[in-house]
Amino acid sequence: MIESQTLTVTEMKCGGCESNIKGKLSAMSGVISVAASAKNNEIRIEYNNELIDIDTIKATIIEAGFGV
């Protein structure tokens, strides 16, 4: 089933940070789309919860050096 969530992400300060996190998440199986905003400290993610869960997504964000 397709789900969408908006996550608050800390330490995202610039366009490079946005690109970094979008690239890491977009490469994951089950992730459909990612929109990141450093200005709002938010990531909007759409994913198939039968292929990936939100905890795995959050862990990837943390491994990339950001808080969630």
PDB file of N, CA and C in Angstrom:
ATOM      1  N   MET A   1       0.844  -1.178   0.000  1.00  0.00           N
ATOM      2  CA  MET A   1       0.000   0.000   0.000  1.00  0.00           C
ATOM      3  C   MET A   1       0.898   1.253   0.000  1.00  0.00           C
ATOM      4  N   ILE A   2       0.506   2.240  -0.751  1.00  0.00           N
ATOM      5  CA  ILE A   2       1.273   3.479  -0.847  1.00  0.00           C
ATOM      6  C   ILE A   2       0.940   4.385   0.335  1.00  0.00           C
ATOM      7  N   GLU A   3       1.986   4.890   0.974  1.00  0.00           N
ATOM      8  CA  GLU A   3       1.825   5.832   2.083  1.00  0.00           C
ATOM      9  C   GLU A   3       2.639   7.082   1.812  1.00  0.00           C
ATOM     10  N   SER A   4       2.211   8.185   2.400  1.00  0.00           N
ATOM     11  CA  SER A   4       2.956   9.442   2.354  1.00  0.00           C
ATOM     12  C   SER A   4       3.148   9.932   3.778  1.00  0.00           C
ATOM     13  N   GLN A   5       4.330  10.459   4.054  1.00  0.00           N
ATOM     14  CA  GLN A   5       4.597  11.041   5.357  1.00  0.00           C
ATOM     15  C   GLN A   5       5.473  12.269   5.187  1.00  0.00           C
ATOM     16  N   THR A   6       5.280  13.202   6.096  1.00  0.00           N
ATOM     17  CA  THR A   6       6.165  14.356   6.185  1.00  0.00           C
ATOM     18  C   THR A   6       6.938  14.212   7.479  1.00  0.00           C
ATOM     19  N   LEU A   7       8.257  14.223   7.369  1.00  0.00           N
ATOM     20  CA  LEU A   7       9.138  14.070   8.521  1.00  0.00           C
ATOM     21  C   LEU A   7       9.893  15.368   8.772  1.00  0.00           C
ATOM     22  N   THR A   8      10.050  15.712  10.023  1.00  0.00           N
ATOM     23  CA  THR A   8      10.896  16.844  10.394  1.00  0.00           C
ATOM     24  C   THR A   8      12.325  16.330  10.475  1.00  0.00           C
ATOM     25  N   VAL A   9      13.219  16.989   9.754  1.00  0.00           N
ATOM     26  CA  VAL A   9      14.615  16.564   9.684  1.00  0.00           C
ATOM     27  C   VAL A   9      15.498  17.730  10.110  1.00  0.00           C
ATOM     28  N   THR A  10      16.340  17.491  11.104  1.00  0.00           N
ATOM     29  CA  THR A  10      17.254  18.527  11.578  1.00  0.00           C
ATOM     30  C   THR A  10      18.616  18.382  10.900  1.00  0.00           C
ATOM     31  N   GLU A  11      19.388  19.425  10.975  1.00  0.00           N
ATOM     32  CA  GLU A  11      20.745  19.493  10.406  1.00  0.00           C
ATOM     33  C   GLU A  11      20.750  19.590   8.886  1.00  0.00           C
ATOM     34  N   MET A  12      19.617  19.769   8.255  1.00  0.00           N
ATOM     35  CA  MET A  12      19.545  19.956   6.814  1.00  0.00           C
ATOM     36  C   MET A  12      19.598  21.462   6.574  1.00  0.00           C
ATOM     37  N   LYS A  13      20.733  21.945   6.061  1.00  0.00           N
ATOM     38  CA  LYS A  13      20.976  23.381   6.031  1.00  0.00           C
ATOM     39  C   LYS A  13      21.025  24.016   4.630  1.00  0.00           C
ATOM     40  N   CYS A  14      21.138  23.191   3.584  1.00  0.00           N
ATOM     41  CA  CYS A  14      21.332  23.790   2.259  1.00  0.00           C
ATOM     42  C   CYS A  14      20.825  22.859   1.163  1.00  0.00           C
ATOM     43  N   GLY A  15      20.934  23.327  -0.056  1.00  0.00           N
ATOM     44  CA  GLY A  15      20.530  22.529  -1.200  1.00  0.00           C
ATOM     45  C   GLY A  15      21.343  21.252  -1.340  1.00  0.00           C
ATOM     46  N   GLY A  16      22.601  21.313  -0.950  1.00  0.00           N
ATOM     47  CA  GLY A  16      23.437  20.110  -0.987  1.00  0.00           C
ATOM     48  C   GLY A  16      22.926  19.045  -0.033  1.00  0.00           C
ATOM     49  N   CYS A  17      22.491  19.478   1.132  1.00  0.00           N
ATOM     50  CA  CYS A  17      21.901  18.552   2.105  1.00  0.00           C
ATOM     51  C   CYS A  17      20.628  17.935   1.533  1.00  0.00           C
ATOM     52  N   GLU A  18      19.802  18.766   0.908  1.00  0.00           N
ATOM     53  CA  GLU A  18      18.568  18.275   0.291  1.00  0.00           C
ATOM     54  C   GLU A  18      18.892  17.204  -0.756  1.00  0.00           C
ATOM     55  N   SER A  19      19.859  17.492  -1.619  1.00  0.00           N
ATOM     56  CA  SER A  19      20.237  16.551  -2.673  1.00  0.00           C
ATOM     57  C   SER A  19      20.786  15.252  -2.096  1.00  0.00           C
ATOM     58  N   ASN A  20      21.597  15.376  -1.063  1.00  0.00           N
ATOM     59  CA  ASN A  20      22.193  14.208  -0.416  1.00  0.00           C
ATOM     60  C   ASN A  20      21.109  13.272   0.095  1.00  0.00           C
ATOM     61  N   ILE A  21      20.208  13.806   0.862  1.00  0.00           N
ATOM     62  CA  ILE A  21      19.177  12.980   1.479  1.00  0.00           C
ATOM     63  C   ILE A  21      18.189  12.451   0.440  1.00  0.00           C
ATOM     64  N   LYS A  22      17.856  13.266  -0.558  1.00  0.00           N
ATOM     65  CA  LYS A  22      16.957  12.805  -1.620  1.00  0.00           C
ATOM     66  C   LYS A  22      17.590  11.655  -2.398  1.00  0.00           C
ATOM     67  N   GLY A  23      18.870  11.757  -2.657  1.00  0.00           N
ATOM     68  CA  GLY A  23      19.569  10.703  -3.394  1.00  0.00           C
ATOM     69  C   GLY A  23      19.600   9.391  -2.639  1.00  0.00           C
ATOM     70  N   LYS A  24      19.904   9.462  -1.357  1.00  0.00           N
ATOM     71  CA  LYS A  24      19.965   8.247  -0.538  1.00  0.00           C
ATOM     72  C   LYS A  24      18.595   7.577  -0.427  1.00  0.00           C
ATOM     73  N   LEU A  25      17.563   8.368  -0.191  1.00  0.00           N
ATOM     74  CA  LEU A  25      16.228   7.798  -0.035  1.00  0.00           C
ATOM     75  C   LEU A  25      15.656   7.309  -1.364  1.00  0.00           C
ATOM     76  N   SER A  26      15.884   8.053  -2.428  1.00  0.00           N
ATOM     77  CA  SER A  26      15.348   7.675  -3.741  1.00  0.00           C
ATOM     78  C   SER A  26      15.934   6.357  -4.239  1.00  0.00           C
ATOM     79  N   ALA A  27      17.138   6.032  -3.802  1.00  0.00           N
ATOM     80  CA  ALA A  27      17.803   4.801  -4.234  1.00  0.00           C
ATOM     81  C   ALA A  27      17.256   3.558  -3.533  1.00  0.00           C
ATOM     82  N   MET A  28      16.440   3.747  -2.518  1.00  0.00           N
ATOM     83  CA  MET A  28      15.928   2.626  -1.739  1.00  0.00           C
ATOM     84  C   MET A  28      14.723   1.989  -2.426  1.00  0.00           C
ATOM     85  N   SER A  29      14.696   0.667  -2.417  1.00  0.00           N
ATOM     86  CA  SER A  29      13.576  -0.065  -2.994  1.00  0.00           C
ATOM     87  C   SER A  29      12.304   0.239  -2.214  1.00  0.00           C
ATOM     88  N   GLY A  30      11.267   0.598  -2.920  1.00  0.00           N
ATOM     89  CA  GLY A  30       9.988   0.902  -2.286  1.00  0.00           C
ATOM     90  C   GLY A  30       9.709   2.382  -2.144  1.00  0.00           C
ATOM     91  N   VAL A  31      10.741   3.222  -2.284  1.00  0.00           N
ATOM     92  CA  VAL A  31      10.538   4.667  -2.206  1.00  0.00           C
ATOM     93  C   VAL A  31      10.087   5.164  -3.574  1.00  0.00           C
ATOM     94  N   ILE A  32       8.971   5.875  -3.589  1.00  0.00           N
ATOM     95  CA  ILE A  32       8.387   6.345  -4.840  1.00  0.00           C
ATOM     96  C   ILE A  32       8.831   7.772  -5.149  1.00  0.00           C
ATOM     97  N   SER A  33       8.766   8.654  -4.154  1.00  0.00           N
ATOM     98  CA  SER A  33       9.190  10.036  -4.376  1.00  0.00           C
ATOM     99  C   SER A  33       9.654  10.650  -3.067  1.00  0.00           C
ATOM    100  N   VAL A  34      10.546  11.632  -3.200  1.00  0.00           N
ATOM    101  CA  VAL A  34      11.078  12.351  -2.044  1.00  0.00           C
ATOM    102  C   VAL A  34      11.162  13.826  -2.410  1.00  0.00           C
ATOM    103  N   ALA A  35      10.663  14.679  -1.536  1.00  0.00           N
ATOM    104  CA  ALA A  35      10.827  16.127  -1.668  1.00  0.00           C
ATOM    105  C   ALA A  35      11.421  16.622  -0.359  1.00  0.00           C
ATOM    106  N   ALA A  36      12.511  17.370  -0.433  1.00  0.00           N
ATOM    107  CA  ALA A  36      13.182  17.857   0.762  1.00  0.00           C
ATOM    108  C   ALA A  36      13.220  19.378   0.765  1.00  0.00           C
ATOM    109  N   SER A  37      13.036  19.961   1.941  1.00  0.00           N
ATOM    110  CA  SER A  37      13.106  21.406   2.103  1.00  0.00           C
ATOM    111  C   SER A  37      13.964  21.740   3.315  1.00  0.00           C
ATOM    112  N   ALA A  38      15.169  22.265   3.045  1.00  0.00           N
ATOM    113  CA  ALA A  38      16.033  22.692   4.148  1.00  0.00           C
ATOM    114  C   ALA A  38      15.414  23.885   4.870  1.00  0.00           C
ATOM    115  N   LYS A  39      14.745  24.738   4.130  1.00  0.00           N
ATOM    116  CA  LYS A  39      14.116  25.924   4.710  1.00  0.00           C
ATOM    117  C   LYS A  39      13.083  25.543   5.770  1.00  0.00           C
ATOM    118  N   ASN A  40      12.298  24.509   5.487  1.00  0.00           N
ATOM    119  CA  ASN A  40      11.249  24.077   6.415  1.00  0.00           C
ATOM    120  C   ASN A  40      11.659  22.900   7.295  1.00  0.00           C
ATOM    121  N   ASN A  41      12.891  22.411   7.109  1.00  0.00           N
ATOM    122  CA  ASN A  41      13.369  21.233   7.846  1.00  0.00           C
ATOM    123  C   ASN A  41      12.419  20.051   7.696  1.00  0.00           C
ATOM    124  N   GLU A  42      11.978  19.808   6.456  1.00  0.00           N
ATOM    125  CA  GLU A  42      11.016  18.746   6.212  1.00  0.00           C
ATOM    126  C   GLU A  42      11.398  17.890   5.010  1.00  0.00           C
ATOM    127  N   ILE A  43      10.995  16.643   5.106  1.00  0.00           N
ATOM    128  CA  ILE A  43      11.064  15.728   3.977  1.00  0.00           C
ATOM    129  C   ILE A  43       9.677  15.147   3.798  1.00  0.00           C
ATOM    130  N   ARG A  44       9.198  15.188   2.578  1.00  0.00           N
ATOM    131  CA  ARG A  44       7.919  14.553   2.231  1.00  0.00           C
ATOM    132  C   ARG A  44       8.274  13.319   1.425  1.00  0.00           C
ATOM    133  N   ILE A  45       7.864  12.162   1.906  1.00  0.00           N
ATOM    134  CA  ILE A  45       8.238  10.911   1.254  1.00  0.00           C
ATOM    135  C   ILE A  45       6.997  10.076   0.961  1.00  0.00           C
ATOM    136  N   GLU A  46       6.995   9.504  -0.211  1.00  0.00           N
ATOM    137  CA  GLU A  46       5.930   8.598  -0.620  1.00  0.00           C
ATOM    138  C   GLU A  46       6.589   7.238  -0.856  1.00  0.00           C
ATOM    139  N   TYR A  47       6.022   6.188  -0.264  1.00  0.00           N
ATOM    140  CA  TYR A  47       6.660   4.878  -0.334  1.00  0.00           C
ATOM    141  C   TYR A  47       5.625   3.755  -0.273  1.00  0.00           C
ATOM    142  N   ASN A  48       6.049   2.586  -0.702  1.00  0.00           N
ATOM    143  CA  ASN A  48       5.220   1.387  -0.639  1.00  0.00           C
ATOM    144  C   ASN A  48       5.567   0.676   0.665  1.00  0.00           C
ATOM    145  N   ASN A  49       4.621   0.656   1.605  1.00  0.00           N
ATOM    146  CA  ASN A  49       4.921   0.085   2.919  1.00  0.00           C
ATOM    147  C   ASN A  49       4.994  -1.441   2.909  1.00  0.00           C
ATOM    148  N   GLU A  50       4.735  -2.054   1.779  1.00  0.00           N
ATOM    149  CA  GLU A  50       4.934  -3.494   1.661  1.00  0.00           C
ATOM    150  C   GLU A  50       6.390  -3.814   1.313  1.00  0.00           C
ATOM    151  N   LEU A  51       7.128  -2.808   0.855  1.00  0.00           N
ATOM    152  CA  LEU A  51       8.525  -2.995   0.471  1.00  0.00           C
ATOM    153  C   LEU A  51       9.507  -2.352   1.440  1.00  0.00           C
ATOM    154  N   ILE A  52       9.071  -1.312   2.142  1.00  0.00           N
ATOM    155  CA  ILE A  52       9.954  -0.598   3.063  1.00  0.00           C
ATOM    156  C   ILE A  52       9.098   0.012   4.173  1.00  0.00           C
ATOM    157  N   ASP A  53       9.671   0.098   5.372  1.00  0.00           N
ATOM    158  CA  ASP A  53       8.910   0.692   6.472  1.00  0.00           C
ATOM    159  C   ASP A  53       9.529   2.026   6.894  1.00  0.00           C
ATOM    160  N   ILE A  54       8.756   2.788   7.628  1.00  0.00           N
ATOM    161  CA  ILE A  54       9.186   4.138   8.010  1.00  0.00           C
ATOM    162  C   ILE A  54      10.412   4.108   8.921  1.00  0.00           C
ATOM    163  N   ASP A  55      10.561   3.065   9.719  1.00  0.00           N
ATOM    164  CA  ASP A  55      11.743   2.970  10.588  1.00  0.00           C
ATOM    165  C   ASP A  55      13.022   2.820   9.776  1.00  0.00           C
ATOM    166  N   THR A  56      12.961   2.083   8.679  1.00  0.00           N
ATOM    167  CA  THR A  56      14.126   1.935   7.799  1.00  0.00           C
ATOM    168  C   THR A  56      14.450   3.268   7.137  1.00  0.00           C
ATOM    169  N   ILE A  57      13.429   3.996   6.740  1.00  0.00           N
ATOM    170  CA  ILE A  57      13.620   5.319   6.143  1.00  0.00           C
ATOM    171  C   ILE A  57      14.273   6.260   7.146  1.00  0.00           C
ATOM    172  N   LYS A  58      13.768   6.271   8.373  1.00  0.00           N
ATOM    173  CA  LYS A  58      14.348   7.125   9.415  1.00  0.00           C
ATOM    174  C   LYS A  58      15.793   6.738   9.707  1.00  0.00           C
ATOM    175  N   ALA A  59      16.084   5.448   9.750  1.00  0.00           N
ATOM    176  CA  ALA A  59      17.453   4.990  10.009  1.00  0.00           C
ATOM    177  C   ALA A  59      18.401   5.469   8.908  1.00  0.00           C
ATOM    178  N   THR A  60      17.948   5.468   7.667  1.00  0.00           N
ATOM    179  CA  THR A  60      18.769   5.938   6.548  1.00  0.00           C
ATOM    180  C   THR A  60      19.052   7.430   6.680  1.00  0.00           C
ATOM    181  N   ILE A  61      18.054   8.193   7.098  1.00  0.00           N
ATOM    182  CA  ILE A  61      18.238   9.634   7.308  1.00  0.00           C
ATOM    183  C   ILE A  61      19.283   9.875   8.397  1.00  0.00           C
ATOM    184  N   ILE A  62      19.188   9.132   9.483  1.00  0.00           N
ATOM    185  CA  ILE A  62      20.143   9.274  10.592  1.00  0.00           C
ATOM    186  C   ILE A  62      21.547   8.868  10.159  1.00  0.00           C
ATOM    187  N   GLU A  63      21.667   7.757   9.395  1.00  0.00           N
ATOM    188  CA  GLU A  63      22.966   7.304   8.907  1.00  0.00           C
ATOM    189  C   GLU A  63      23.597   8.337   7.976  1.00  0.00           C
ATOM    190  N   ALA A  64      22.777   9.142   7.314  1.00  0.00           N
ATOM    191  CA  ALA A  64      23.287  10.186   6.415  1.00  0.00           C
ATOM    192  C   ALA A  64      23.754  11.412   7.201  1.00  0.00           C
ATOM    193  N   GLY A  65      23.562  11.430   8.509  1.00  0.00           N
ATOM    194  CA  GLY A  65      24.067  12.524   9.335  1.00  0.00           C
ATOM    195  C   GLY A  65      23.031  13.547   9.745  1.00  0.00           C
ATOM    196  N   PHE A  66      21.778  13.216   9.587  1.00  0.00           N
ATOM    197  CA  PHE A  66      20.701  14.141   9.921  1.00  0.00           C
ATOM    198  C   PHE A  66      19.891  13.591  11.097  1.00  0.00           C
ATOM    199  N   GLY A  67      19.175  14.469  11.766  1.00  0.00           N
ATOM    200  CA  GLY A  67      18.275  14.045  12.840  1.00  0.00           C
ATOM    201  C   GLY A  67      16.866  13.955  12.295  1.00  0.00           C
ATOM    202  N   VAL A  68      16.080  13.079  12.898  1.00  0.00           N
ATOM    203  CA  VAL A  68      14.690  12.921  12.451  1.00  0.00           C
ATOM    204  C   VAL A  68      13.799  12.671  13.658  1.00  0.00           C
TER     205      VAL A  68
END
